[in-house]
Amino acid sequence: MSEPFVAAVDWGTSNFRVWLLDGDGIVLAERQSAEGMQGLAKDEFAGVLDQHLAELKAGADLPVVIAGMAGARTGWIEAAYLAVPANLDALAHGAVRAPHSARRVYILPGVCQRAPRAYDVMRGEETQLAGALAEGHQNGIFCLPGTHSKWACLEDGVLTGFTTMMTGELFDLISRQSILRLSVDTSSNTGLDMSAFSDAVRETFAQGFSLMSALFSIRAGGLLANVPPPAATARLSGLLIGSEISAALKMFPDKNTVYLVGSERLNGLYGEALRIAARPSVVLDGAKLVRRGLFAAAETLFSR
């Protein structure tokens, strides 16, 4: 077996994942846990990292490169944002060394957008985009769906702009805390009603569409037409995802294929919504991309 070259860490808000990579970027071992940034004090990050590296039997001098929320202001140590336009090949040059007595541990920066009325930030997604660049995707529109979906534009390897859509969080808030909680059912293990989802997506592209009124129609539909909760849930999802995609495609009107980087479920929903919008999509492996991005940074930081 090859010897480890670096420990690559994706440290999110809720989750932690580490891979031992050899000199070719091949995964030798990995671990993950729910020890995300939000549950840790600043003086606990080093201990969590060391525990997982010990379980992987990593050498005491193995260097570490980290992406994600460990570099947030409330994380381990802040790694200041790079501003767009940002050369993704240069992420390593903005890395910050974390306080660790035994190892070289570097945290990659996030990326920010300082345009008035379009202020935005990302942490972690930029490393996935760097991984896409390492895989040969120098140009394109990337959609990273999730709680806070990101849409980003790469031009010749440069992140020229991006936007965040709070689609996932809005779905959670509306379905659990608004009047629509009486109409939808998010606890069902059955698959989403794709017919209702697709119909709702089509609505969002219609002339004069209003998300505010369409949302309340979900409640009215249950009262007046006995629309069942599974169909109402799918309609809510379709209205929100369709509205997101409708807005994003207006921001990036001259592009063709949209690269999707999300979970299997979300990639499927967003892919269907994009099909309805007549925009082709290609799914990319998010875990693979973050490893590629981390490995590229490690080659710069820890050149052999």
C-alpha atoms as a PDB file:
ATOM      1  CA  MET A   1       0.000   0.000   0.000  1.00  0.00           C
ATOM      2  CA  SER A   2       1.138   3.555  -0.734  1.00  0.00           C
ATOM      3  CA  GLU A   3       2.187   5.836   2.093  1.00  0.00           C
ATOM      4  CA  PRO A   4      -0.112   8.732   3.040  1.00  0.00           C
ATOM      5  CA  PHE A   5       0.883  12.107   1.660  1.00  0.00           C
ATOM      6  CA  VAL A   6      -1.741  14.255   3.384  1.00  0.00           C
ATOM      7  CA  ALA A   7      -4.851  14.114   5.539  1.00  0.00           C
ATOM      8  CA  ALA A   8      -7.613  15.960   3.671  1.00  0.00           C
ATOM      9  CA  VAL A   9     -10.487  17.259   5.824  1.00  0.00           C
ATOM     10  CA  ASP A  10     -13.913  18.577   4.892  1.00  0.00           C
ATOM     11  CA  TRP A  11     -15.144  20.229   8.120  1.00  0.00           C
ATOM     12  CA  GLY A  12     -18.700  21.443   7.765  1.00  0.00           C
ATOM     13  CA  THR A  13     -21.225  23.013  10.083  1.00  0.00           C
ATOM     14  CA  SER A  14     -22.729  19.671  11.089  1.00  0.00           C
ATOM     15  CA  ASN A  15     -20.275  17.035   9.892  1.00  0.00           C
ATOM     16  CA  PHE A  16     -16.597  16.120   9.800  1.00  0.00           C
ATOM     17  CA  ARG A  17     -14.897  13.946   7.197  1.00  0.00           C
ATOM     18  CA  VAL A  18     -11.239  13.060   6.735  1.00  0.00           C
ATOM     19  CA  TRP A  19      -9.432  11.090   4.040  1.00  0.00           C
ATOM     20  CA  LEU A  20      -5.823   9.885   4.002  1.00  0.00           C
ATOM     21  CA  LEU A  21      -4.568  10.470   0.471  1.00  0.00           C
ATOM     22  CA  ASP A  22      -1.413   9.106  -1.120  1.00  0.00           C
ATOM     23  CA  GLY A  23       0.873  11.023  -3.459  1.00  0.00           C
ATOM     24  CA  ASP A  24      -1.481  10.438  -6.372  1.00  0.00           C
ATOM     25  CA  GLY A  25      -4.577  11.597  -4.486  1.00  0.00           C
ATOM     26  CA  ILE A  26      -5.864   8.033  -4.024  1.00  0.00           C
ATOM     27  CA  VAL A  27      -7.932   7.419  -0.873  1.00  0.00           C
ATOM     28  CA  LEU A  28      -6.155   5.059   1.531  1.00  0.00           C
ATOM     29  CA  ALA A  29      -8.560   5.389   4.472  1.00  0.00           C
ATOM     30  CA  GLU A  30     -11.346   7.646   5.698  1.00  0.00           C
ATOM     31  CA  ARG A  31     -13.532   8.501   8.678  1.00  0.00           C
ATOM     32  CA  GLN A  32     -16.539  10.717   9.267  1.00  0.00           C
ATOM     33  CA  SER A  33     -18.622  11.888  12.197  1.00  0.00           C
ATOM     34  CA  ALA A  34     -21.237  14.407  13.282  1.00  0.00           C
ATOM     35  CA  GLU A  35     -18.571  16.578  14.981  1.00  0.00           C
ATOM     36  CA  GLY A  36     -19.217  19.655  12.902  1.00  0.00           C
ATOM     37  CA  MET A  37     -18.152  23.211  13.672  1.00  0.00           C
ATOM     38  CA  GLN A  38     -21.422  24.176  15.369  1.00  0.00           C
ATOM     39  CA  GLY A  39     -20.877  21.719  18.222  1.00  0.00           C
ATOM     40  CA  LEU A  40     -17.255  22.574  19.016  1.00  0.00           C
ATOM     41  CA  ALA A  41     -15.464  25.234  21.026  1.00  0.00           C
ATOM     42  CA  LYS A  42     -12.286  26.702  19.537  1.00  0.00           C
ATOM     43  CA  ASP A  43     -10.069  24.631  21.822  1.00  0.00           C
ATOM     44  CA  GLU A  44     -11.757  21.356  20.816  1.00  0.00           C
ATOM     45  CA  PHE A  45     -10.910  21.250  17.112  1.00  0.00           C
ATOM     46  CA  ALA A  46      -7.351  19.974  17.533  1.00  0.00           C
ATOM     47  CA  GLY A  47      -8.494  17.154  19.806  1.00  0.00           C
ATOM     48  CA  VAL A  48     -11.209  16.001  17.402  1.00  0.00           C
ATOM     49  CA  LEU A  49      -8.749  16.015  14.516  1.00  0.00           C
ATOM     50  CA  ASP A  50      -6.103  14.108  16.476  1.00  0.00           C
ATOM     51  CA  GLN A  51      -8.606  11.488  17.611  1.00  0.00           C
ATOM     52  CA  HIS A  52      -9.656  10.681  14.060  1.00  0.00           C
ATOM     53  CA  LEU A  53      -6.089  10.667  12.767  1.00  0.00           C
ATOM     54  CA  ALA A  54      -5.102   8.288  15.575  1.00  0.00           C
ATOM     55  CA  GLU A  55      -7.945   5.943  14.593  1.00  0.00           C
ATOM     56  CA  LEU A  56      -6.602   6.016  11.043  1.00  0.00           C
ATOM     57  CA  LYS A  57      -3.084   5.343  12.353  1.00  0.00           C
ATOM     58  CA  ALA A  58      -1.776   8.439  10.624  1.00  0.00           C
ATOM     59  CA  GLY A  59       1.854   9.307  11.279  1.00  0.00           C
ATOM     60  CA  ALA A  60       2.601  12.022  13.801  1.00  0.00           C
ATOM     61  CA  ASP A  61       4.142  14.232  11.108  1.00  0.00           C
ATOM     62  CA  LEU A  62       1.454  13.763   8.447  1.00  0.00           C
ATOM     63  CA  PRO A  63       0.352  17.242   7.284  1.00  0.00           C
ATOM     64  CA  VAL A  64      -3.310  18.230   7.147  1.00  0.00           C
ATOM     65  CA  VAL A  65      -5.281  20.494   4.822  1.00  0.00           C
ATOM     66  CA  ILE A  66      -8.823  21.527   5.803  1.00  0.00           C
ATOM     67  CA  ALA A  67     -11.719  23.097   3.920  1.00  0.00           C
ATOM     68  CA  GLY A  68     -14.996  24.396   5.277  1.00  0.00           C
ATOM     69  CA  MET A  69     -16.330  25.874   8.470  1.00  0.00           C
ATOM     70  CA  ALA A  70     -13.254  25.195  10.599  1.00  0.00           C
ATOM     71  CA  GLY A  71     -11.999  28.409   8.986  1.00  0.00           C
ATOM     72  CA  ALA A  72     -15.069  30.457   9.917  1.00  0.00           C
ATOM     73  CA  ARG A  73     -14.911  33.302  12.415  1.00  0.00           C
ATOM     74  CA  THR A  74     -16.550  31.033  15.002  1.00  0.00           C
ATOM     75  CA  GLY A  75     -14.505  27.986  13.957  1.00  0.00           C
ATOM     76  CA  TRP A  76     -10.982  26.865  14.855  1.00  0.00           C
ATOM     77  CA  ILE A  77      -9.159  29.869  13.401  1.00  0.00           C
ATOM     78  CA  GLU A  78     -10.457  32.315  10.826  1.00  0.00           C
ATOM     79  CA  ALA A  79      -9.180  31.947   7.269  1.00  0.00           C
ATOM     80  CA  ALA A  80     -10.060  35.262   5.646  1.00  0.00           C
ATOM     81  CA  TYR A  81     -12.200  35.230   2.515  1.00  0.00           C
ATOM     82  CA  LEU A  82     -10.729  35.658  -0.944  1.00  0.00           C
ATOM     83  CA  ALA A  83     -12.789  38.095  -3.015  1.00  0.00           C
ATOM     84  CA  VAL A  84     -14.175  37.340  -6.461  1.00  0.00           C
ATOM     85  CA  PRO A  85     -12.924  37.238  -9.104  1.00  0.00           C
ATOM     86  CA  ALA A  86     -10.909  34.483  -7.424  1.00  0.00           C
ATOM     87  CA  ASN A  87      -8.385  32.193  -9.078  1.00  0.00           C
ATOM     88  CA  LEU A  88      -9.234  28.786  -7.622  1.00  0.00           C
ATOM     89  CA  ASP A  89      -5.701  27.568  -8.252  1.00  0.00           C
ATOM     90  CA  ALA A  90      -4.628  30.101  -5.617  1.00  0.00           C
ATOM     91  CA  LEU A  91      -6.701  28.815  -2.677  1.00  0.00           C
ATOM     92  CA  ALA A  92      -3.596  27.376  -1.038  1.00  0.00           C
ATOM     93  CA  HIS A  93      -1.920  30.783  -1.032  1.00  0.00           C
ATOM     94  CA  GLY A  94      -4.673  32.080   1.250  1.00  0.00           C
ATOM     95  CA  ALA A  95      -4.442  29.163   3.677  1.00  0.00           C
ATOM     96  CA  VAL A  96      -3.973  29.876   7.390  1.00  0.00           C
ATOM     97  CA  ARG A  97      -1.917  27.678   9.686  1.00  0.00           C
ATOM     98  CA  ALA A  98      -3.967  26.352  12.606  1.00  0.00           C
ATOM     99  CA  PRO A  99      -2.521  26.231  16.130  1.00  0.00           C
ATOM    100  CA  HIS A 100      -1.230  22.671  16.458  1.00  0.00           C
ATOM    101  CA  SER A 101       1.976  21.721  18.221  1.00  0.00           C
ATOM    102  CA  ALA A 102       2.748  18.491  16.368  1.00  0.00           C
ATOM    103  CA  ARG A 103       1.562  18.912  12.791  1.00  0.00           C
ATOM    104  CA  ARG A 104       1.440  21.269   9.864  1.00  0.00           C
ATOM    105  CA  VAL A 105      -2.298  21.978   9.702  1.00  0.00           C
ATOM    106  CA  TYR A 106      -3.598  24.477   7.164  1.00  0.00           C
ATOM    107  CA  ILE A 107      -7.154  25.738   6.685  1.00  0.00           C
ATOM    108  CA  LEU A 108      -8.185  26.971   3.241  1.00  0.00           C
ATOM    109  CA  PRO A 109     -10.028  30.281   2.860  1.00  0.00           C
ATOM    110  CA  GLY A 110     -13.607  30.759   1.802  1.00  0.00           C
ATOM    111  CA  VAL A 111     -14.648  33.140  -0.967  1.00  0.00           C
ATOM    112  CA  CYS A 112     -16.701  36.324  -0.727  1.00  0.00           C
ATOM    113  CA  GLN A 113     -18.503  38.686  -3.073  1.00  0.00           C
ATOM    114  CA  ARG A 114     -18.519  42.329  -2.027  1.00  0.00           C
ATOM    115  CA  ALA A 115     -20.860  43.802  -4.647  1.00  0.00           C
ATOM    116  CA  PRO A 116     -23.490  46.094  -3.083  1.00  0.00           C
ATOM    117  CA  ARG A 117     -26.905  44.366  -2.844  1.00  0.00           C
ATOM    118  CA  ALA A 118     -25.172  41.137  -3.838  1.00  0.00           C
ATOM    119  CA  TYR A 119     -22.957  40.492  -0.822  1.00  0.00           C
ATOM    120  CA  ASP A 120     -22.293  36.772  -0.504  1.00  0.00           C
ATOM    121  CA  VAL A 121     -19.970  34.217   1.081  1.00  0.00           C
ATOM    122  CA  MET A 122     -19.103  30.547   0.748  1.00  0.00           C
ATOM    123  CA  ARG A 123     -16.939  28.125   2.717  1.00  0.00           C
ATOM    124  CA  GLY A 124     -16.281  24.631   1.429  1.00  0.00           C
ATOM    125  CA  GLU A 125     -18.009  24.961  -1.925  1.00  0.00           C
ATOM    126  CA  GLU A 126     -15.019  26.845  -3.344  1.00  0.00           C
ATOM    127  CA  THR A 127     -12.871  23.763  -2.694  1.00  0.00           C
ATOM    128  CA  GLN A 128     -15.355  21.603  -4.616  1.00  0.00           C
ATOM    129  CA  LEU A 129     -15.140  24.116  -7.450  1.00  0.00           C
ATOM    130  CA  ALA A 130     -11.342  23.904  -7.287  1.00  0.00           C
ATOM    131  CA  GLY A 131     -11.770  20.144  -7.583  1.00  0.00           C
ATOM    132  CA  ALA A 132     -13.956  20.615 -10.650  1.00  0.00           C
ATOM    133  CA  LEU A 133     -11.222  22.784 -12.111  1.00  0.00           C
ATOM    134  CA  ALA A 134      -8.663  20.038 -11.377  1.00  0.00           C
ATOM    135  CA  GLU A 135     -10.961  17.628 -13.254  1.00  0.00           C
ATOM    136  CA  GLY A 136     -10.819  19.849 -16.328  1.00  0.00           C
ATOM    137  CA  HIS A 137     -13.968  21.959 -15.914  1.00  0.00           C
ATOM    138  CA  GLN A 138     -12.497  25.406 -16.468  1.00  0.00           C
ATOM    139  CA  ASN A 139     -15.747  27.011 -17.581  1.00  0.00           C
ATOM    140  CA  GLY A 140     -19.374  26.570 -16.666  1.00  0.00           C
ATOM    141  CA  ILE A 141     -22.237  27.163 -14.295  1.00  0.00           C
ATOM    142  CA  PHE A 142     -22.276  25.058 -11.143  1.00  0.00           C
ATOM    143  CA  CYS A 143     -25.277  24.494  -8.893  1.00  0.00           C
ATOM    144  CA  LEU A 144     -24.560  23.107  -5.424  1.00  0.00           C
ATOM    145  CA  PRO A 145     -28.033  22.444  -3.984  1.00  0.00           C
ATOM    146  CA  GLY A 146     -28.639  22.170  -0.254  1.00  0.00           C
ATOM    147  CA  THR A 147     -29.845  24.133   2.742  1.00  0.00           C
ATOM    148  CA  HIS A 148     -28.248  27.204   1.183  1.00  0.00           C
ATOM    149  CA  SER A 149     -27.854  26.418  -2.516  1.00  0.00           C
ATOM    150  CA  LYS A 150     -24.926  27.994  -4.340  1.00  0.00           C
ATOM    151  CA  TRP A 151     -24.800  28.957  -8.002  1.00  0.00           C
ATOM    152  CA  ALA A 152     -21.331  29.802  -9.276  1.00  0.00           C
ATOM    153  CA  CYS A 153     -19.742  30.802 -12.571  1.00  0.00           C
ATOM    154  CA  LEU A 154     -16.260  29.632 -13.611  1.00  0.00           C
ATOM    155  CA  GLU A 155     -14.511  31.360 -16.497  1.00  0.00           C
ATOM    156  CA  ASP A 156     -11.078  30.050 -17.466  1.00  0.00           C
ATOM    157  CA  GLY A 157     -10.548  28.691 -13.957  1.00  0.00           C
ATOM    158  CA  VAL A 158     -11.594  31.915 -12.252  1.00  0.00           C
ATOM    159  CA  LEU A 159     -14.640  32.111  -9.983  1.00  0.00           C
ATOM    160  CA  THR A 160     -16.162  35.287 -11.377  1.00  0.00           C
ATOM    161  CA  GLY A 161     -19.370  35.427  -9.343  1.00  0.00           C
ATOM    162  CA  PHE A 162     -21.863  33.435  -7.323  1.00  0.00           C
ATOM    163  CA  THR A 163     -25.151  33.657  -5.491  1.00  0.00           C
ATOM    164  CA  THR A 164     -26.752  31.834  -2.568  1.00  0.00           C
ATOM    165  CA  MET A 165     -30.392  30.741  -2.501  1.00  0.00           C
ATOM    166  CA  MET A 166     -31.934  29.821   0.890  1.00  0.00           C
ATOM    167  CA  THR A 167     -34.179  27.211  -0.721  1.00  0.00           C
ATOM    168  CA  GLY A 168     -33.561  24.296   1.625  1.00  0.00           C
ATOM    169  CA  GLU A 169     -33.891  26.417   4.743  1.00  0.00           C
ATOM    170  CA  LEU A 170     -37.098  28.000   3.450  1.00  0.00           C
ATOM    171  CA  PHE A 171     -38.584  24.561   2.754  1.00  0.00           C
ATOM    172  CA  ASP A 172     -37.778  23.509   6.318  1.00  0.00           C
ATOM    173  CA  LEU A 173     -39.151  26.687   7.907  1.00  0.00           C
ATOM    174  CA  ILE A 174     -42.322  26.800   5.809  1.00  0.00           C
ATOM    175  CA  SER A 175     -43.113  23.102   6.188  1.00  0.00           C
ATOM    176  CA  ARG A 176     -42.536  23.090   9.952  1.00  0.00           C
ATOM    177  CA  GLN A 177     -43.440  26.545  11.250  1.00  0.00           C
ATOM    178  CA  SER A 178     -45.853  28.240   8.851  1.00  0.00           C
ATOM    179  CA  ILE A 179     -49.569  27.695   8.218  1.00  0.00           C
ATOM    180  CA  LEU A 180     -48.530  25.199   5.532  1.00  0.00           C
ATOM    181  CA  ARG A 181     -47.423  22.762   8.222  1.00  0.00           C
ATOM    182  CA  LEU A 182     -51.123  21.836   8.378  1.00  0.00           C
ATOM    183  CA  SER A 183     -51.127  20.863   4.701  1.00  0.00           C
ATOM    184  CA  VAL A 184     -47.826  19.064   4.069  1.00  0.00           C
ATOM    185  CA  ASP A 185     -46.212  15.924   5.428  1.00  0.00           C
ATOM    186  CA  THR A 186     -42.414  15.774   5.540  1.00  0.00           C
ATOM    187  CA  SER A 187     -42.291  12.629   7.695  1.00  0.00           C
ATOM    188  CA  SER A 188     -43.347  10.214   4.949  1.00  0.00           C
ATOM    189  CA  ASN A 189     -40.730   7.748   3.724  1.00  0.00           C
ATOM    190  CA  THR A 190     -42.420   7.375   0.365  1.00  0.00           C
ATOM    191  CA  GLY A 191     -40.895   9.035  -2.659  1.00  0.00           C
ATOM    192  CA  LEU A 192     -41.874  12.529  -3.705  1.00  0.00           C
ATOM    193  CA  ASP A 193     -44.924  12.895  -5.948  1.00  0.00           C
ATOM    194  CA  MET A 194     -42.968  13.803  -9.090  1.00  0.00           C
ATOM    195  CA  SER A 195     -46.049  14.705 -11.096  1.00  0.00           C
ATOM    196  CA  ALA A 196     -47.045  17.348  -8.531  1.00  0.00           C
ATOM    197  CA  PHE A 197     -43.431  18.503  -8.258  1.00  0.00           C
ATOM    198  CA  SER A 198     -43.024  18.928 -12.024  1.00  0.00           C
ATOM    199  CA  ASP A 199     -46.353  20.749 -12.365  1.00  0.00           C
ATOM    200  CA  ALA A 200     -45.272  23.201  -9.664  1.00  0.00           C
ATOM    201  CA  VAL A 201     -41.912  23.792 -11.369  1.00  0.00           C
ATOM    202  CA  ARG A 202     -43.705  24.602 -14.636  1.00  0.00           C
ATOM    203  CA  GLU A 203     -45.809  27.185 -12.804  1.00  0.00           C
ATOM    204  CA  THR A 204     -42.710  29.103 -11.734  1.00  0.00           C
ATOM    205  CA  PHE A 205     -41.707  29.735 -15.353  1.00  0.00           C
ATOM    206  CA  ALA A 206     -45.126  31.103 -16.330  1.00  0.00           C
ATOM    207  CA  GLN A 207     -45.684  34.784 -17.070  1.00  0.00           C
ATOM    208  CA  GLY A 208     -46.832  36.676 -13.970  1.00  0.00           C
ATOM    209  CA  PHE A 209     -45.982  33.893 -11.515  1.00  0.00           C
ATOM    210  CA  SER A 210     -46.100  34.971  -7.850  1.00  0.00           C
ATOM    211  CA  LEU A 211     -44.374  32.739  -5.314  1.00  0.00           C
ATOM    212  CA  MET A 212     -46.149  34.440  -2.401  1.00  0.00           C
ATOM    213  CA  SER A 213     -49.630  33.643  -3.668  1.00  0.00           C
ATOM    214  CA  ALA A 214     -48.667  30.214  -5.003  1.00  0.00           C
ATOM    215  CA  LEU A 215     -47.469  29.208  -1.537  1.00  0.00           C
ATOM    216  CA  PHE A 216     -50.795  30.050   0.097  1.00  0.00           C
ATOM    217  CA  SER A 217     -52.630  28.132  -2.615  1.00  0.00           C
ATOM    218  CA  ILE A 218     -51.146  24.983  -1.051  1.00  0.00           C
ATOM    219  CA  ARG A 219     -53.195  25.628   2.095  1.00  0.00           C
ATOM    220  CA  ALA A 220     -56.290  26.561   0.124  1.00  0.00           C
ATOM    221  CA  GLY A 221     -55.955  23.451  -2.025  1.00  0.00           C
ATOM    222  CA  GLY A 222     -56.102  21.261   1.053  1.00  0.00           C
ATOM    223  CA  LEU A 223     -59.205  23.013   2.337  1.00  0.00           C
ATOM    224  CA  LEU A 224     -61.134  23.277  -0.926  1.00  0.00           C
ATOM    225  CA  ALA A 225     -59.973  20.341  -3.050  1.00  0.00           C
ATOM    226  CA  ASN A 226     -58.697  17.870  -0.441  1.00  0.00           C
ATOM    227  CA  VAL A 227     -55.217  17.895  -1.985  1.00  0.00           C
ATOM    228  CA  PRO A 228     -53.397  15.142  -0.056  1.00  0.00           C
ATOM    229  CA  PRO A 229     -50.310  16.032   2.015  1.00  0.00           C
ATOM    230  CA  PRO A 230     -47.826  14.131  -0.237  1.00  0.00           C
ATOM    231  CA  ALA A 231     -48.947  16.139  -3.273  1.00  0.00           C
ATOM    232  CA  ALA A 232     -48.874  19.373  -1.238  1.00  0.00           C
ATOM    233  CA  THR A 233     -45.344  18.594  -0.063  1.00  0.00           C
ATOM    234  CA  ALA A 234     -44.196  17.979  -3.624  1.00  0.00           C
ATOM    235  CA  ARG A 235     -45.850  21.212  -4.742  1.00  0.00           C
ATOM    236  CA  LEU A 236     -44.035  23.179  -2.049  1.00  0.00           C
ATOM    237  CA  SER A 237     -40.724  21.655  -3.117  1.00  0.00           C
ATOM    238  CA  GLY A 238     -41.415  22.327  -6.784  1.00  0.00           C
ATOM    239  CA  LEU A 239     -42.419  25.947  -6.207  1.00  0.00           C
ATOM    240  CA  LEU A 240     -39.267  26.693  -4.219  1.00  0.00           C
ATOM    241  CA  ILE A 241     -36.799  24.819  -6.432  1.00  0.00           C
ATOM    242  CA  GLY A 242     -38.470  26.138  -9.594  1.00  0.00           C
ATOM    243  CA  SER A 243     -38.287  29.697  -8.286  1.00  0.00           C
ATOM    244  CA  GLU A 244     -34.613  29.227  -7.457  1.00  0.00           C
ATOM    245  CA  ILE A 245     -33.781  27.896 -10.899  1.00  0.00           C
ATOM    246  CA  SER A 246     -35.876  30.518 -12.671  1.00  0.00           C
ATOM    247  CA  ALA A 247     -33.970  33.272 -10.860  1.00  0.00           C
ATOM    248  CA  ALA A 248     -30.564  31.643 -11.353  1.00  0.00           C
ATOM    249  CA  LEU A 249     -31.022  31.161 -15.086  1.00  0.00           C
ATOM    250  CA  LYS A 250     -31.821  34.857 -15.428  1.00  0.00           C
ATOM    251  CA  MET A 251     -28.506  35.602 -13.705  1.00  0.00           C
ATOM    252  CA  PHE A 252     -26.604  33.238 -16.023  1.00  0.00           C
ATOM    253  CA  PRO A 253     -28.573  33.472 -19.294  1.00  0.00           C
ATOM    254  CA  ASP A 254     -25.812  32.739 -21.791  1.00  0.00           C
ATOM    255  CA  LYS A 255     -24.602  29.440 -20.406  1.00  0.00           C
ATOM    256  CA  ASN A 256     -25.622  25.945 -21.420  1.00  0.00           C
ATOM    257  CA  THR A 257     -24.979  22.885 -19.240  1.00  0.00           C
ATOM    258  CA  VAL A 258     -25.437  23.262 -15.481  1.00  0.00           C
ATOM    259  CA  TYR A 259     -23.161  21.072 -13.363  1.00  0.00           C
ATOM    260  CA  LEU A 260     -24.978  19.686 -10.303  1.00  0.00           C
ATOM    261  CA  VAL A 261     -23.014  18.952  -7.139  1.00  0.00           C
ATOM    262  CA  GLY A 262     -25.354  17.695  -4.415  1.00  0.00           C
ATOM    263  CA  SER A 263     -26.927  14.639  -2.849  1.00  0.00           C
ATOM    264  CA  GLU A 264     -28.467  11.985  -5.093  1.00  0.00           C
ATOM    265  CA  ARG A 265     -31.968  13.105  -4.097  1.00  0.00           C
ATOM    266  CA  LEU A 266     -31.392  16.812  -4.721  1.00  0.00           C
ATOM    267  CA  ASN A 267     -29.500  16.188  -7.946  1.00  0.00           C
ATOM    268  CA  GLY A 268     -32.557  14.293  -9.178  1.00  0.00           C
ATOM    269  CA  LEU A 269     -34.989  17.077  -8.273  1.00  0.00           C
ATOM    270  CA  TYR A 270     -32.820  19.855  -9.660  1.00  0.00           C
ATOM    271  CA  GLY A 271     -32.090  17.831 -12.785  1.00  0.00           C
ATOM    272  CA  GLU A 272     -35.828  17.411 -13.416  1.00  0.00           C
ATOM    273  CA  ALA A 273     -36.451  21.130 -12.829  1.00  0.00           C
ATOM    274  CA  LEU A 274     -33.650  22.037 -15.236  1.00  0.00           C
ATOM    275  CA  ARG A 275     -35.061  19.623 -17.826  1.00  0.00           C
ATOM    276  CA  ILE A 276     -38.378  21.475 -17.606  1.00  0.00           C
ATOM    277  CA  ALA A 277     -36.448  24.732 -18.070  1.00  0.00           C
ATOM    278  CA  ALA A 278     -34.794  23.225 -21.190  1.00  0.00           C
ATOM    279  CA  ARG A 279     -31.329  23.421 -19.650  1.00  0.00           C
ATOM    280  CA  PRO A 280     -29.156  20.277 -19.721  1.00  0.00           C
ATOM    281  CA  SER A 281     -27.415  19.203 -16.542  1.00  0.00           C
ATOM    282  CA  VAL A 282     -24.527  16.931 -15.615  1.00  0.00           C
ATOM    283  CA  VAL A 283     -24.062  15.452 -12.142  1.00  0.00           C
ATOM    284  CA  LEU A 284     -20.621  15.624 -10.524  1.00  0.00           C
ATOM    285  CA  ASP A 285     -19.509  13.721  -7.398  1.00  0.00           C
ATOM    286  CA  GLY A 286     -19.241  16.298  -4.601  1.00  0.00           C
ATOM    287  CA  ALA A 287     -17.105  14.151  -2.283  1.00  0.00           C
ATOM    288  CA  LYS A 288     -14.673  13.433  -5.093  1.00  0.00           C
ATOM    289  CA  LEU A 289     -14.491  17.107  -6.001  1.00  0.00           C
ATOM    290  CA  VAL A 290     -13.686  18.265  -2.461  1.00  0.00           C
ATOM    291  CA  ARG A 291     -10.926  15.625  -2.260  1.00  0.00           C
ATOM    292  CA  ARG A 292      -9.503  16.800  -5.573  1.00  0.00           C
ATOM    293  CA  GLY A 293      -9.594  20.411  -4.425  1.00  0.00           C
ATOM    294  CA  LEU A 294      -7.940  19.575  -1.103  1.00  0.00           C
ATOM    295  CA  PHE A 295      -5.298  17.470  -2.807  1.00  0.00           C
ATOM    296  CA  ALA A 296      -4.463  20.250  -5.266  1.00  0.00           C
ATOM    297  CA  ALA A 297      -4.004  22.655  -2.342  1.00  0.00           C
ATOM    298  CA  ALA A 298      -1.876  20.095  -0.489  1.00  0.00           C
ATOM    299  CA  GLU A 299       0.451  19.725  -3.464  1.00  0.00           C
ATOM    300  CA  THR A 300       1.092  23.472  -3.259  1.00  0.00           C
ATOM    301  CA  LEU A 301       1.396  23.629   0.531  1.00  0.00           C
ATOM    302  CA  PHE A 302       3.407  20.460   1.062  1.00  0.00           C
ATOM    303  CA  SER A 303       5.350  20.107  -2.180  1.00  0.00           C
ATOM    304  CA  ARG A 304       7.591  17.107  -2.093  1.00  0.00           C
END
